[in-house]
Amino acid sequence: MSEPGRVGILISGRGSNMVALIDAMRSGAVRAEPAIVISNEPQAPGLELARRRGVPVAVLDHRVAASRRDHERRVIETLQAHRVDLVCLAGYMRLLSPLFVSAYGGRLLNVHPSLLPAFPGLDAQKQALDHGVKVTGCTVHLVDEECDHGPIVLQAAVPVLEDDTAETLSQRILEQEHRIYPRAVALHLEGRLAVEGRRVRLAAV
């Protein structure tokens, strides 16, 4: 049997999806090893949550880098030093450049709180409420150079209730993010994602 895949997780904040991924790996639900958690924010609460779970962490503050390119080189070097096979963005509030995407092309996943291509970017839950949609949800997708744009791997629908606020809707969407993100990671590491243009087909075992 091959060695478990090694996953790097990039965060900027609380890291709830990071926790869901690490816990899925630790429980055996996803056959992988959390190799490193990297944050561009030194005070990100997710760093302590990762430490408590015994995962190595690195703080690479983008504000002290000479340039965006220099910052991304440092992130890439750290991922490579930890022999990362797959990179997962978990509330990472930085748009990745072509430099980064080319380094990990096809091996970059992100989760977004809407049914893409609807409501990309910030405040997707508020966008959904403002637009008056009856159903929204979350999407795990492969990352390309554009914001919330790459091929879609998995989605989950969440109904919008009449009395929803951005906070209540966000919480119910987050529950689904925690469910489908580990599943998408498992499918990727099992080699079951076949990308055909913008479509991702799930190959049989």
N, C-alpha and C. Protein backbone atom coordinates (compact mmCIF):
# COMPACT_ATOMS: atom_id res chain seq x y z
N MET A 1 0.85 -1.20 0.00
CA MET A 1 0.00 0.00 0.00
C MET A 1 0.88 1.24 0.00
N SER A 2 0.52 2.24 -0.79
CA SER A 2 1.29 3.47 -0.88
C SER A 2 1.21 4.25 0.42
N GLU A 3 2.18 5.14 0.59
CA GLU A 3 2.19 6.00 1.77
C GLU A 3 1.02 6.98 1.74
N PRO A 4 0.50 7.36 2.91
CA PRO A 4 -0.57 8.37 2.93
C PRO A 4 -0.09 9.69 2.32
N GLY A 5 -1.00 10.38 1.64
CA GLY A 5 -0.67 11.69 1.09
C GLY A 5 -0.37 12.69 2.19
N ARG A 6 0.42 13.69 1.86
CA ARG A 6 0.79 14.72 2.82
C ARG A 6 0.11 16.03 2.41
N VAL A 7 -0.64 16.60 3.36
CA VAL A 7 -1.49 17.75 3.09
C VAL A 7 -0.96 18.99 3.80
N GLY A 8 -0.83 20.07 3.06
CA GLY A 8 -0.51 21.37 3.64
C GLY A 8 -1.77 22.22 3.66
N ILE A 9 -2.00 22.94 4.74
CA ILE A 9 -3.21 23.74 4.90
C ILE A 9 -2.81 25.19 5.14
N LEU A 10 -3.39 26.09 4.34
CA LEU A 10 -3.13 27.52 4.47
C LEU A 10 -4.33 28.20 5.12
N ILE A 11 -4.08 28.99 6.16
CA ILE A 11 -5.15 29.66 6.89
C ILE A 11 -4.79 31.14 7.09
N SER A 12 -5.82 31.92 7.42
CA SER A 12 -5.61 33.30 7.82
C SER A 12 -6.35 33.64 9.11
N GLY A 13 -7.24 32.75 9.57
CA GLY A 13 -8.08 33.08 10.71
C GLY A 13 -8.31 31.92 11.65
N ARG A 14 -9.59 31.67 11.94
CA ARG A 14 -9.95 30.71 12.99
C ARG A 14 -9.67 29.26 12.62
N GLY A 15 -9.71 28.94 11.32
CA GLY A 15 -9.30 27.61 10.88
C GLY A 15 -10.30 26.51 11.16
N SER A 16 -11.61 26.78 11.08
CA SER A 16 -12.58 25.72 11.36
C SER A 16 -12.52 24.63 10.29
N ASN A 17 -12.34 24.99 9.04
CA ASN A 17 -12.19 23.96 8.02
C ASN A 17 -10.86 23.22 8.16
N MET A 18 -9.84 23.92 8.61
CA MET A 18 -8.57 23.26 8.92
C MET A 18 -8.77 22.18 9.96
N VAL A 19 -9.51 22.51 11.03
CA VAL A 19 -9.78 21.53 12.08
C VAL A 19 -10.55 20.34 11.52
N ALA A 20 -11.55 20.59 10.68
CA ALA A 20 -12.32 19.49 10.10
C ALA A 20 -11.42 18.58 9.26
N LEU A 21 -10.50 19.17 8.52
CA LEU A 21 -9.58 18.37 7.70
C LEU A 21 -8.62 17.57 8.57
N ILE A 22 -8.01 18.23 9.55
CA ILE A 22 -7.07 17.52 10.42
C ILE A 22 -7.76 16.38 11.16
N ASP A 23 -8.94 16.68 11.72
CA ASP A 23 -9.65 15.64 12.47
C ASP A 23 -10.05 14.47 11.57
N ALA A 24 -10.42 14.74 10.32
CA ALA A 24 -10.75 13.65 9.40
C ALA A 24 -9.52 12.80 9.09
N MET A 25 -8.36 13.45 8.98
CA MET A 25 -7.13 12.69 8.74
C MET A 25 -6.72 11.90 9.97
N ARG A 26 -6.82 12.52 11.12
CA ARG A 26 -6.43 11.83 12.35
C ARG A 26 -7.33 10.63 12.65
N SER A 27 -8.62 10.73 12.27
CA SER A 27 -9.56 9.64 12.56
C SER A 27 -9.45 8.50 11.55
N GLY A 28 -8.76 8.75 10.45
CA GLY A 28 -8.67 7.73 9.40
C GLY A 28 -9.74 7.85 8.35
N ALA A 29 -10.66 8.81 8.51
CA ALA A 29 -11.70 9.01 7.50
C ALA A 29 -11.08 9.46 6.17
N VAL A 30 -9.97 10.19 6.26
CA VAL A 30 -9.18 10.57 5.09
C VAL A 30 -7.78 9.99 5.30
N ARG A 31 -7.34 9.18 4.36
CA ARG A 31 -6.03 8.55 4.49
C ARG A 31 -4.96 9.55 4.05
N ALA A 32 -4.51 10.36 4.99
CA ALA A 32 -3.54 11.40 4.71
C ALA A 32 -2.92 11.87 6.01
N GLU A 33 -1.83 12.60 5.88
CA GLU A 33 -1.13 13.15 7.03
C GLU A 33 -1.12 14.67 6.92
N PRO A 34 -1.60 15.38 7.98
CA PRO A 34 -1.49 16.84 7.96
C PRO A 34 -0.03 17.24 8.17
N ALA A 35 0.63 17.66 7.09
CA ALA A 35 2.08 17.86 7.14
C ALA A 35 2.48 19.21 7.71
N ILE A 36 1.70 20.26 7.44
CA ILE A 36 2.04 21.60 7.88
C ILE A 36 0.82 22.51 7.76
N VAL A 37 0.67 23.40 8.73
CA VAL A 37 -0.32 24.48 8.65
C VAL A 37 0.46 25.79 8.56
N ILE A 38 0.16 26.58 7.54
CA ILE A 38 0.83 27.86 7.34
C ILE A 38 -0.19 28.99 7.44
N SER A 39 0.16 30.02 8.17
CA SER A 39 -0.71 31.20 8.25
C SER A 39 0.06 32.45 7.87
N ASN A 40 -0.59 33.33 7.12
CA ASN A 40 -0.01 34.64 6.83
C ASN A 40 -0.32 35.65 7.92
N GLU A 41 -1.15 35.25 8.88
CA GLU A 41 -1.53 36.11 9.99
C GLU A 41 -0.96 35.55 11.30
N PRO A 42 -0.01 36.26 11.94
CA PRO A 42 0.62 35.73 13.15
C PRO A 42 -0.35 35.44 14.29
N GLN A 43 -1.47 36.17 14.34
CA GLN A 43 -2.42 36.00 15.44
C GLN A 43 -3.60 35.10 15.07
N ALA A 44 -3.52 34.39 13.99
CA ALA A 44 -4.64 33.54 13.57
C ALA A 44 -4.96 32.51 14.65
N PRO A 45 -6.21 32.46 15.14
CA PRO A 45 -6.58 31.48 16.18
C PRO A 45 -6.34 30.04 15.75
N GLY A 46 -6.41 29.78 14.46
CA GLY A 46 -6.22 28.41 13.97
C GLY A 46 -4.84 27.84 14.25
N LEU A 47 -3.84 28.70 14.45
CA LEU A 47 -2.49 28.21 14.72
C LEU A 47 -2.45 27.40 16.01
N GLU A 48 -3.09 27.90 17.05
CA GLU A 48 -3.08 27.18 18.33
C GLU A 48 -3.88 25.89 18.21
N LEU A 49 -4.97 25.91 17.45
CA LEU A 49 -5.75 24.68 17.25
C LEU A 49 -4.94 23.61 16.54
N ALA A 50 -4.12 24.03 15.58
CA ALA A 50 -3.25 23.07 14.90
C ALA A 50 -2.19 22.53 15.85
N ARG A 51 -1.59 23.41 16.64
CA ARG A 51 -0.56 22.97 17.60
C ARG A 51 -1.13 21.94 18.56
N ARG A 52 -2.35 22.19 19.04
CA ARG A 52 -2.97 21.26 19.99
C ARG A 52 -3.16 19.88 19.37
N ARG A 53 -3.27 19.84 18.07
CA ARG A 53 -3.46 18.56 17.37
C ARG A 53 -2.14 17.97 16.89
N GLY A 54 -1.05 18.57 17.31
CA GLY A 54 0.27 18.03 17.00
C GLY A 54 0.72 18.25 15.57
N VAL A 55 0.17 19.25 14.92
CA VAL A 55 0.54 19.52 13.54
C VAL A 55 1.56 20.65 13.50
N PRO A 56 2.66 20.51 12.76
CA PRO A 56 3.63 21.60 12.64
C PRO A 56 2.97 22.85 12.05
N VAL A 57 3.38 24.01 12.54
CA VAL A 57 2.84 25.27 12.03
C VAL A 57 3.98 26.19 11.62
N ALA A 58 3.66 27.08 10.69
CA ALA A 58 4.61 28.11 10.27
C ALA A 58 3.85 29.40 10.07
N VAL A 59 4.42 30.51 10.54
CA VAL A 59 3.85 31.83 10.33
C VAL A 59 4.71 32.56 9.30
N LEU A 60 4.10 32.91 8.18
CA LEU A 60 4.78 33.64 7.13
C LEU A 60 3.97 34.90 6.84
N ASP A 61 4.26 35.93 7.61
CA ASP A 61 3.53 37.20 7.53
C ASP A 61 3.81 37.87 6.19
N HIS A 62 2.77 38.06 5.40
CA HIS A 62 2.97 38.66 4.07
C HIS A 62 3.41 40.11 4.16
N ARG A 63 3.15 40.75 5.31
CA ARG A 63 3.49 42.17 5.44
C ARG A 63 4.99 42.42 5.58
N VAL A 64 5.75 41.41 5.96
CA VAL A 64 7.19 41.61 6.13
C VAL A 64 7.97 41.13 4.92
N ALA A 65 7.28 40.57 3.94
CA ALA A 65 7.96 40.12 2.72
C ALA A 65 8.26 41.32 1.82
N ALA A 66 9.32 41.20 1.04
CA ALA A 66 9.72 42.29 0.15
C ALA A 66 8.68 42.52 -0.94
N SER A 67 7.97 41.46 -1.32
CA SER A 67 6.97 41.55 -2.38
C SER A 67 6.03 40.37 -2.26
N ARG A 68 4.93 40.43 -2.98
CA ARG A 68 4.00 39.30 -3.02
C ARG A 68 4.72 38.06 -3.54
N ARG A 69 5.54 38.23 -4.57
CA ARG A 69 6.27 37.11 -5.14
C ARG A 69 7.21 36.49 -4.11
N ASP A 70 7.91 37.34 -3.34
CA ASP A 70 8.81 36.85 -2.31
C ASP A 70 8.05 36.07 -1.24
N HIS A 71 6.88 36.60 -0.84
CA HIS A 71 6.08 35.90 0.15
C HIS A 71 5.66 34.52 -0.35
N GLU A 72 5.18 34.47 -1.58
CA GLU A 72 4.71 33.19 -2.11
C GLU A 72 5.86 32.20 -2.28
N ARG A 73 7.03 32.70 -2.63
CA ARG A 73 8.19 31.80 -2.71
C ARG A 73 8.47 31.15 -1.36
N ARG A 74 8.36 31.94 -0.30
CA ARG A 74 8.60 31.40 1.05
C ARG A 74 7.54 30.35 1.41
N VAL A 75 6.30 30.60 1.04
CA VAL A 75 5.25 29.61 1.30
C VAL A 75 5.53 28.33 0.52
N ILE A 76 5.86 28.47 -0.76
CA ILE A 76 6.14 27.30 -1.59
C ILE A 76 7.32 26.51 -1.02
N GLU A 77 8.37 27.21 -0.64
CA GLU A 77 9.54 26.54 -0.07
C GLU A 77 9.20 25.78 1.20
N THR A 78 8.33 26.35 2.04
CA THR A 78 7.92 25.68 3.27
C THR A 78 7.10 24.43 2.96
N LEU A 79 6.18 24.53 2.01
CA LEU A 79 5.40 23.37 1.60
C LEU A 79 6.31 22.27 1.04
N GLN A 80 7.26 22.66 0.23
CA GLN A 80 8.18 21.67 -0.36
C GLN A 80 9.05 21.03 0.72
N ALA A 81 9.48 21.82 1.70
CA ALA A 81 10.30 21.27 2.78
C ALA A 81 9.55 20.22 3.58
N HIS A 82 8.21 20.33 3.62
CA HIS A 82 7.39 19.35 4.34
C HIS A 82 6.80 18.30 3.40
N ARG A 83 7.31 18.27 2.17
CA ARG A 83 6.95 17.23 1.19
C ARG A 83 5.44 17.12 0.99
N VAL A 84 4.81 18.27 0.79
CA VAL A 84 3.36 18.32 0.66
C VAL A 84 2.92 17.87 -0.73
N ASP A 85 1.92 16.99 -0.77
CA ASP A 85 1.36 16.51 -2.03
C ASP A 85 0.16 17.33 -2.47
N LEU A 86 -0.62 17.82 -1.50
CA LEU A 86 -1.86 18.54 -1.79
C LEU A 86 -1.96 19.74 -0.86
N VAL A 87 -2.35 20.90 -1.43
CA VAL A 87 -2.49 22.12 -0.64
C VAL A 87 -3.97 22.47 -0.54
N CYS A 88 -4.43 22.70 0.70
CA CYS A 88 -5.83 23.05 0.94
C CYS A 88 -5.90 24.45 1.53
N LEU A 89 -6.68 25.31 0.90
CA LEU A 89 -6.93 26.64 1.43
C LEU A 89 -8.12 26.56 2.38
N ALA A 90 -7.94 27.05 3.59
CA ALA A 90 -8.99 26.98 4.61
C ALA A 90 -9.15 28.35 5.24
N GLY A 91 -9.88 29.22 4.55
CA GLY A 91 -10.01 30.59 5.02
C GLY A 91 -8.72 31.37 4.82
N TYR A 92 -8.02 31.08 3.73
CA TYR A 92 -6.78 31.79 3.42
C TYR A 92 -7.14 33.03 2.60
N MET A 93 -6.93 34.20 3.18
CA MET A 93 -7.44 35.44 2.59
C MET A 93 -6.43 36.12 1.68
N ARG A 94 -5.82 35.31 0.82
CA ARG A 94 -4.88 35.84 -0.16
C ARG A 94 -5.21 35.21 -1.51
N LEU A 95 -5.30 36.04 -2.54
CA LEU A 95 -5.49 35.53 -3.90
C LEU A 95 -4.14 35.05 -4.40
N LEU A 96 -4.08 33.81 -4.84
CA LEU A 96 -2.81 33.22 -5.25
C LEU A 96 -2.44 33.66 -6.67
N SER A 97 -1.15 33.90 -6.86
CA SER A 97 -0.66 34.35 -8.15
C SER A 97 -0.40 33.15 -9.06
N PRO A 98 -0.17 33.41 -10.36
CA PRO A 98 0.21 32.32 -11.27
C PRO A 98 1.46 31.57 -10.81
N LEU A 99 2.36 32.25 -10.13
CA LEU A 99 3.56 31.58 -9.60
C LEU A 99 3.17 30.43 -8.69
N PHE A 100 2.27 30.70 -7.76
CA PHE A 100 1.86 29.67 -6.80
C PHE A 100 1.04 28.58 -7.49
N VAL A 101 0.10 29.01 -8.32
CA VAL A 101 -0.78 28.04 -8.99
C VAL A 101 0.03 27.12 -9.88
N SER A 102 1.06 27.63 -10.55
CA SER A 102 1.88 26.77 -11.40
C SER A 102 2.69 25.78 -10.58
N ALA A 103 3.09 26.20 -9.36
CA ALA A 103 3.88 25.30 -8.51
C ALA A 103 3.06 24.12 -8.02
N TYR A 104 1.75 24.34 -7.79
CA TYR A 104 0.89 23.28 -7.27
C TYR A 104 -0.35 23.09 -8.13
N GLY A 105 -0.21 23.36 -9.42
CA GLY A 105 -1.35 23.23 -10.33
C GLY A 105 -1.97 21.84 -10.27
N GLY A 106 -3.30 21.80 -10.12
CA GLY A 106 -4.00 20.53 -10.01
C GLY A 106 -3.94 19.92 -8.63
N ARG A 107 -3.17 20.54 -7.74
CA ARG A 107 -3.02 20.02 -6.37
C ARG A 107 -3.36 21.09 -5.35
N LEU A 108 -4.30 21.97 -5.74
CA LEU A 108 -4.75 23.07 -4.89
C LEU A 108 -6.25 23.01 -4.76
N LEU A 109 -6.76 22.91 -3.54
CA LEU A 109 -8.20 22.89 -3.30
C LEU A 109 -8.60 24.08 -2.43
N ASN A 110 -9.82 24.55 -2.65
CA ASN A 110 -10.40 25.61 -1.83
C ASN A 110 -11.86 25.29 -1.57
N VAL A 111 -12.38 25.79 -0.46
CA VAL A 111 -13.81 25.67 -0.18
C VAL A 111 -14.37 27.08 -0.09
N HIS A 112 -15.55 27.28 -0.70
CA HIS A 112 -16.16 28.61 -0.75
C HIS A 112 -17.63 28.51 -0.33
N PRO A 113 -18.14 29.47 0.46
CA PRO A 113 -19.49 29.37 1.00
C PRO A 113 -20.59 29.85 0.05
N SER A 114 -20.61 29.32 -1.15
CA SER A 114 -21.73 29.53 -2.08
C SER A 114 -21.70 28.42 -3.11
N LEU A 115 -22.76 28.34 -3.88
CA LEU A 115 -22.80 27.39 -4.99
C LEU A 115 -22.21 28.09 -6.22
N LEU A 116 -20.89 28.03 -6.32
CA LEU A 116 -20.23 28.67 -7.46
C LEU A 116 -20.79 28.13 -8.77
N PRO A 117 -20.87 28.98 -9.80
CA PRO A 117 -20.24 30.30 -9.92
C PRO A 117 -21.02 31.45 -9.29
N ALA A 118 -22.09 31.18 -8.58
CA ALA A 118 -22.82 32.26 -7.91
C ALA A 118 -22.02 32.78 -6.72
N PHE A 119 -22.02 34.09 -6.54
CA PHE A 119 -21.51 34.78 -5.36
C PHE A 119 -20.05 34.45 -5.01
N PRO A 120 -19.14 34.68 -5.94
CA PRO A 120 -17.72 34.54 -5.61
C PRO A 120 -17.25 35.70 -4.75
N GLY A 121 -16.05 35.58 -4.21
CA GLY A 121 -15.47 36.68 -3.45
C GLY A 121 -15.94 36.74 -2.01
N LEU A 122 -15.77 37.91 -1.41
CA LEU A 122 -16.07 38.09 0.02
C LEU A 122 -17.57 38.17 0.28
N ASP A 123 -17.95 37.81 1.53
CA ASP A 123 -19.32 37.96 2.01
C ASP A 123 -20.33 37.24 1.13
N ALA A 124 -20.01 36.02 0.74
CA ALA A 124 -20.89 35.26 -0.15
C ALA A 124 -22.25 35.02 0.48
N GLN A 125 -22.29 34.82 1.80
CA GLN A 125 -23.57 34.57 2.46
C GLN A 125 -24.46 35.81 2.42
N LYS A 126 -23.87 36.97 2.66
CA LYS A 126 -24.63 38.22 2.57
C LYS A 126 -25.08 38.47 1.13
N GLN A 127 -24.21 38.16 0.18
CA GLN A 127 -24.59 38.30 -1.22
C GLN A 127 -25.82 37.46 -1.53
N ALA A 128 -25.85 36.24 -1.01
CA ALA A 128 -27.00 35.35 -1.26
C ALA A 128 -28.27 35.93 -0.66
N LEU A 129 -28.17 36.42 0.58
CA LEU A 129 -29.35 37.02 1.22
C LEU A 129 -29.81 38.26 0.47
N ASP A 130 -28.88 39.11 0.10
CA ASP A 130 -29.24 40.34 -0.61
C ASP A 130 -29.89 40.04 -1.96
N HIS A 131 -29.48 38.95 -2.57
CA HIS A 131 -30.02 38.58 -3.88
C HIS A 131 -31.38 37.89 -3.77
N GLY A 132 -31.71 37.42 -2.56
CA GLY A 132 -33.00 36.78 -2.36
C GLY A 132 -33.10 35.35 -2.83
N VAL A 133 -31.97 34.66 -2.93
CA VAL A 133 -32.03 33.27 -3.38
C VAL A 133 -32.68 32.40 -2.32
N LYS A 134 -33.28 31.30 -2.74
CA LYS A 134 -33.93 30.37 -1.83
C LYS A 134 -33.01 29.23 -1.42
N VAL A 135 -31.97 29.01 -2.21
CA VAL A 135 -31.01 27.94 -1.93
C VAL A 135 -29.61 28.49 -2.20
N THR A 136 -28.70 28.24 -1.28
CA THR A 136 -27.29 28.53 -1.51
C THR A 136 -26.51 27.29 -1.07
N GLY A 137 -25.28 27.45 -0.62
CA GLY A 137 -24.54 26.26 -0.21
C GLY A 137 -23.05 26.50 -0.19
N CYS A 138 -22.29 25.47 -0.54
CA CYS A 138 -20.83 25.58 -0.54
C CYS A 138 -20.25 24.74 -1.66
N THR A 139 -19.03 25.08 -2.02
CA THR A 139 -18.36 24.46 -3.15
C THR A 139 -16.90 24.18 -2.81
N VAL A 140 -16.44 22.98 -3.10
CA VAL A 140 -15.00 22.69 -3.10
C VAL A 140 -14.55 22.66 -4.55
N HIS A 141 -13.51 23.43 -4.84
CA HIS A 141 -13.06 23.51 -6.22
C HIS A 141 -11.54 23.51 -6.30
N LEU A 142 -11.05 23.12 -7.45
CA LEU A 142 -9.63 23.26 -7.74
C LEU A 142 -9.33 24.74 -7.97
N VAL A 143 -8.17 25.17 -7.57
CA VAL A 143 -7.82 26.59 -7.62
C VAL A 143 -7.06 26.90 -8.91
N ASP A 144 -7.49 27.98 -9.56
CA ASP A 144 -6.71 28.52 -10.67
C ASP A 144 -6.37 29.98 -10.37
N GLU A 145 -5.94 30.72 -11.38
CA GLU A 145 -5.45 32.08 -11.14
C GLU A 145 -6.57 33.08 -10.83
N GLU A 146 -7.82 32.71 -11.09
CA GLU A 146 -8.92 33.62 -10.85
C GLU A 146 -9.59 33.32 -9.50
N CYS A 147 -10.29 34.31 -8.97
CA CYS A 147 -10.91 34.17 -7.65
C CYS A 147 -12.13 33.26 -7.70
N ASP A 148 -12.11 32.19 -6.89
CA ASP A 148 -13.27 31.28 -6.76
C ASP A 148 -13.78 30.83 -8.13
N HIS A 149 -12.87 30.33 -8.94
CA HIS A 149 -13.18 30.11 -10.35
C HIS A 149 -12.89 28.70 -10.86
N GLY A 150 -11.99 27.96 -10.24
CA GLY A 150 -11.52 26.70 -10.81
C GLY A 150 -12.58 25.63 -10.89
N PRO A 151 -12.27 24.51 -11.56
CA PRO A 151 -13.22 23.41 -11.73
C PRO A 151 -13.81 22.91 -10.41
N ILE A 152 -15.11 22.65 -10.43
CA ILE A 152 -15.85 22.29 -9.22
C ILE A 152 -15.72 20.80 -8.94
N VAL A 153 -15.36 20.46 -7.71
CA VAL A 153 -15.20 19.07 -7.29
C VAL A 153 -16.47 18.56 -6.62
N LEU A 154 -16.92 19.24 -5.58
CA LEU A 154 -18.13 18.85 -4.84
C LEU A 154 -18.90 20.10 -4.44
N GLN A 155 -20.22 19.95 -4.32
CA GLN A 155 -21.06 21.02 -3.81
C GLN A 155 -22.11 20.44 -2.87
N ALA A 156 -22.59 21.28 -1.96
CA ALA A 156 -23.70 20.91 -1.08
C ALA A 156 -24.66 22.08 -1.00
N ALA A 157 -25.95 21.79 -1.13
CA ALA A 157 -26.98 22.84 -1.11
C ALA A 157 -27.47 23.08 0.32
N VAL A 158 -27.76 24.33 0.62
CA VAL A 158 -28.30 24.73 1.92
C VAL A 158 -29.49 25.66 1.69
N PRO A 159 -30.68 25.33 2.20
CA PRO A 159 -31.83 26.22 2.01
C PRO A 159 -31.65 27.53 2.78
N VAL A 160 -32.16 28.59 2.20
CA VAL A 160 -32.15 29.89 2.87
C VAL A 160 -33.50 30.07 3.56
N LEU A 161 -33.48 30.24 4.87
CA LEU A 161 -34.71 30.37 5.64
C LEU A 161 -35.17 31.82 5.69
N GLU A 162 -36.48 31.99 5.91
CA GLU A 162 -37.05 33.34 5.89
C GLU A 162 -36.42 34.27 6.94
N ASP A 163 -36.05 33.70 8.09
CA ASP A 163 -35.51 34.54 9.15
C ASP A 163 -33.99 34.48 9.23
N ASP A 164 -33.34 33.97 8.20
CA ASP A 164 -31.88 33.87 8.21
C ASP A 164 -31.21 35.24 8.27
N THR A 165 -30.12 35.30 9.01
CA THR A 165 -29.17 36.40 8.94
C THR A 165 -27.91 35.86 8.29
N ALA A 166 -26.98 36.74 7.99
CA ALA A 166 -25.71 36.27 7.42
C ALA A 166 -25.03 35.30 8.38
N GLU A 167 -25.19 35.54 9.69
CA GLU A 167 -24.53 34.68 10.69
C GLU A 167 -25.18 33.30 10.75
N THR A 168 -26.51 33.24 10.80
CA THR A 168 -27.16 31.92 10.90
C THR A 168 -26.97 31.12 9.62
N LEU A 169 -27.05 31.80 8.49
CA LEU A 169 -26.83 31.10 7.22
C LEU A 169 -25.39 30.61 7.12
N SER A 170 -24.45 31.44 7.54
CA SER A 170 -23.03 31.06 7.50
C SER A 170 -22.78 29.79 8.31
N GLN A 171 -23.42 29.70 9.48
CA GLN A 171 -23.19 28.55 10.34
C GLN A 171 -23.70 27.26 9.70
N ARG A 172 -24.87 27.31 9.06
CA ARG A 172 -25.39 26.10 8.42
C ARG A 172 -24.58 25.73 7.18
N ILE A 173 -24.09 26.72 6.47
CA ILE A 173 -23.22 26.43 5.33
C ILE A 173 -21.92 25.80 5.82
N LEU A 174 -21.38 26.34 6.91
CA LEU A 174 -20.12 25.83 7.44
C LEU A 174 -20.21 24.35 7.81
N GLU A 175 -21.34 23.94 8.34
CA GLU A 175 -21.53 22.52 8.66
C GLU A 175 -21.35 21.65 7.42
N GLN A 176 -21.85 22.13 6.29
CA GLN A 176 -21.71 21.37 5.04
C GLN A 176 -20.28 21.45 4.50
N GLU A 177 -19.63 22.60 4.70
CA GLU A 177 -18.22 22.70 4.29
C GLU A 177 -17.39 21.64 5.02
N HIS A 178 -17.65 21.50 6.32
CA HIS A 178 -16.89 20.53 7.11
C HIS A 178 -17.17 19.10 6.66
N ARG A 179 -18.29 18.88 6.03
CA ARG A 179 -18.64 17.54 5.54
C ARG A 179 -18.00 17.24 4.18
N ILE A 180 -18.08 18.21 3.25
CA ILE A 180 -17.65 17.89 1.89
C ILE A 180 -16.16 18.14 1.64
N TYR A 181 -15.54 19.02 2.42
CA TYR A 181 -14.12 19.30 2.17
C TYR A 181 -13.25 18.08 2.41
N PRO A 182 -13.37 17.40 3.56
CA PRO A 182 -12.57 16.17 3.73
C PRO A 182 -12.86 15.14 2.65
N ARG A 183 -14.12 15.04 2.21
CA ARG A 183 -14.46 14.09 1.15
C ARG A 183 -13.73 14.43 -0.14
N ALA A 184 -13.65 15.70 -0.47
CA ALA A 184 -12.95 16.12 -1.68
C ALA A 184 -11.45 15.82 -1.58
N VAL A 185 -10.88 16.04 -0.41
CA VAL A 185 -9.46 15.73 -0.20
C VAL A 185 -9.22 14.24 -0.41
N ALA A 186 -10.09 13.41 0.15
CA ALA A 186 -9.95 11.96 -0.01
C ALA A 186 -10.03 11.57 -1.48
N LEU A 187 -10.99 12.10 -2.19
CA LEU A 187 -11.13 11.78 -3.62
C LEU A 187 -9.89 12.19 -4.40
N HIS A 188 -9.34 13.34 -4.09
CA HIS A 188 -8.14 13.80 -4.79
C HIS A 188 -6.96 12.87 -4.53
N LEU A 189 -6.74 12.56 -3.26
CA LEU A 189 -5.59 11.73 -2.91
C LEU A 189 -5.74 10.28 -3.39
N GLU A 190 -6.98 9.87 -3.58
CA GLU A 190 -7.23 8.53 -4.14
C GLU A 190 -7.10 8.51 -5.66
N GLY A 191 -6.82 9.66 -6.26
CA GLY A 191 -6.68 9.74 -7.71
C GLY A 191 -7.99 9.58 -8.46
N ARG A 192 -9.08 9.98 -7.83
CA ARG A 192 -10.39 9.76 -8.42
C ARG A 192 -11.00 10.99 -9.10
N LEU A 193 -10.22 12.06 -9.21
CA LEU A 193 -10.72 13.26 -9.87
C LEU A 193 -10.16 13.33 -11.29
N ALA A 194 -11.04 13.25 -12.26
CA ALA A 194 -10.65 13.36 -13.67
C ALA A 194 -11.15 14.70 -14.19
N VAL A 195 -10.22 15.60 -14.48
CA VAL A 195 -10.58 16.95 -14.93
C VAL A 195 -10.63 17.00 -16.44
N GLU A 196 -11.79 17.40 -16.97
CA GLU A 196 -12.00 17.54 -18.41
C GLU A 196 -12.50 18.95 -18.67
N GLY A 197 -11.59 19.85 -19.00
CA GLY A 197 -11.97 21.25 -19.14
C GLY A 197 -12.41 21.81 -17.80
N ARG A 198 -13.66 22.28 -17.73
CA ARG A 198 -14.18 22.79 -16.47
C ARG A 198 -14.93 21.72 -15.67
N ARG A 199 -15.04 20.54 -16.21
CA ARG A 199 -15.78 19.49 -15.52
C ARG A 199 -14.84 18.55 -14.78
N VAL A 200 -15.26 18.16 -13.59
CA VAL A 200 -14.52 17.17 -12.80
C VAL A 200 -15.39 15.94 -12.67
N ARG A 201 -14.91 14.84 -13.23
CA ARG A 201 -15.64 13.57 -13.13
C ARG A 201 -15.00 12.72 -12.03
N LEU A 202 -15.85 11.99 -11.31
CA LEU A 202 -15.37 11.11 -10.25
C LEU A 202 -15.16 9.71 -10.82
N ALA A 203 -13.90 9.30 -10.84
CA ALA A 203 -13.57 7.99 -11.38
C ALA A 203 -13.88 6.91 -10.35
N ALA A 204 -14.24 5.74 -10.83
CA ALA A 204 -14.50 4.60 -9.93
C ALA A 204 -13.20 4.13 -9.29
N VAL A 205 -13.34 3.48 -8.15
CA VAL A 205 -12.17 2.93 -7.46
C VAL A 205 -11.56 1.82 -8.29
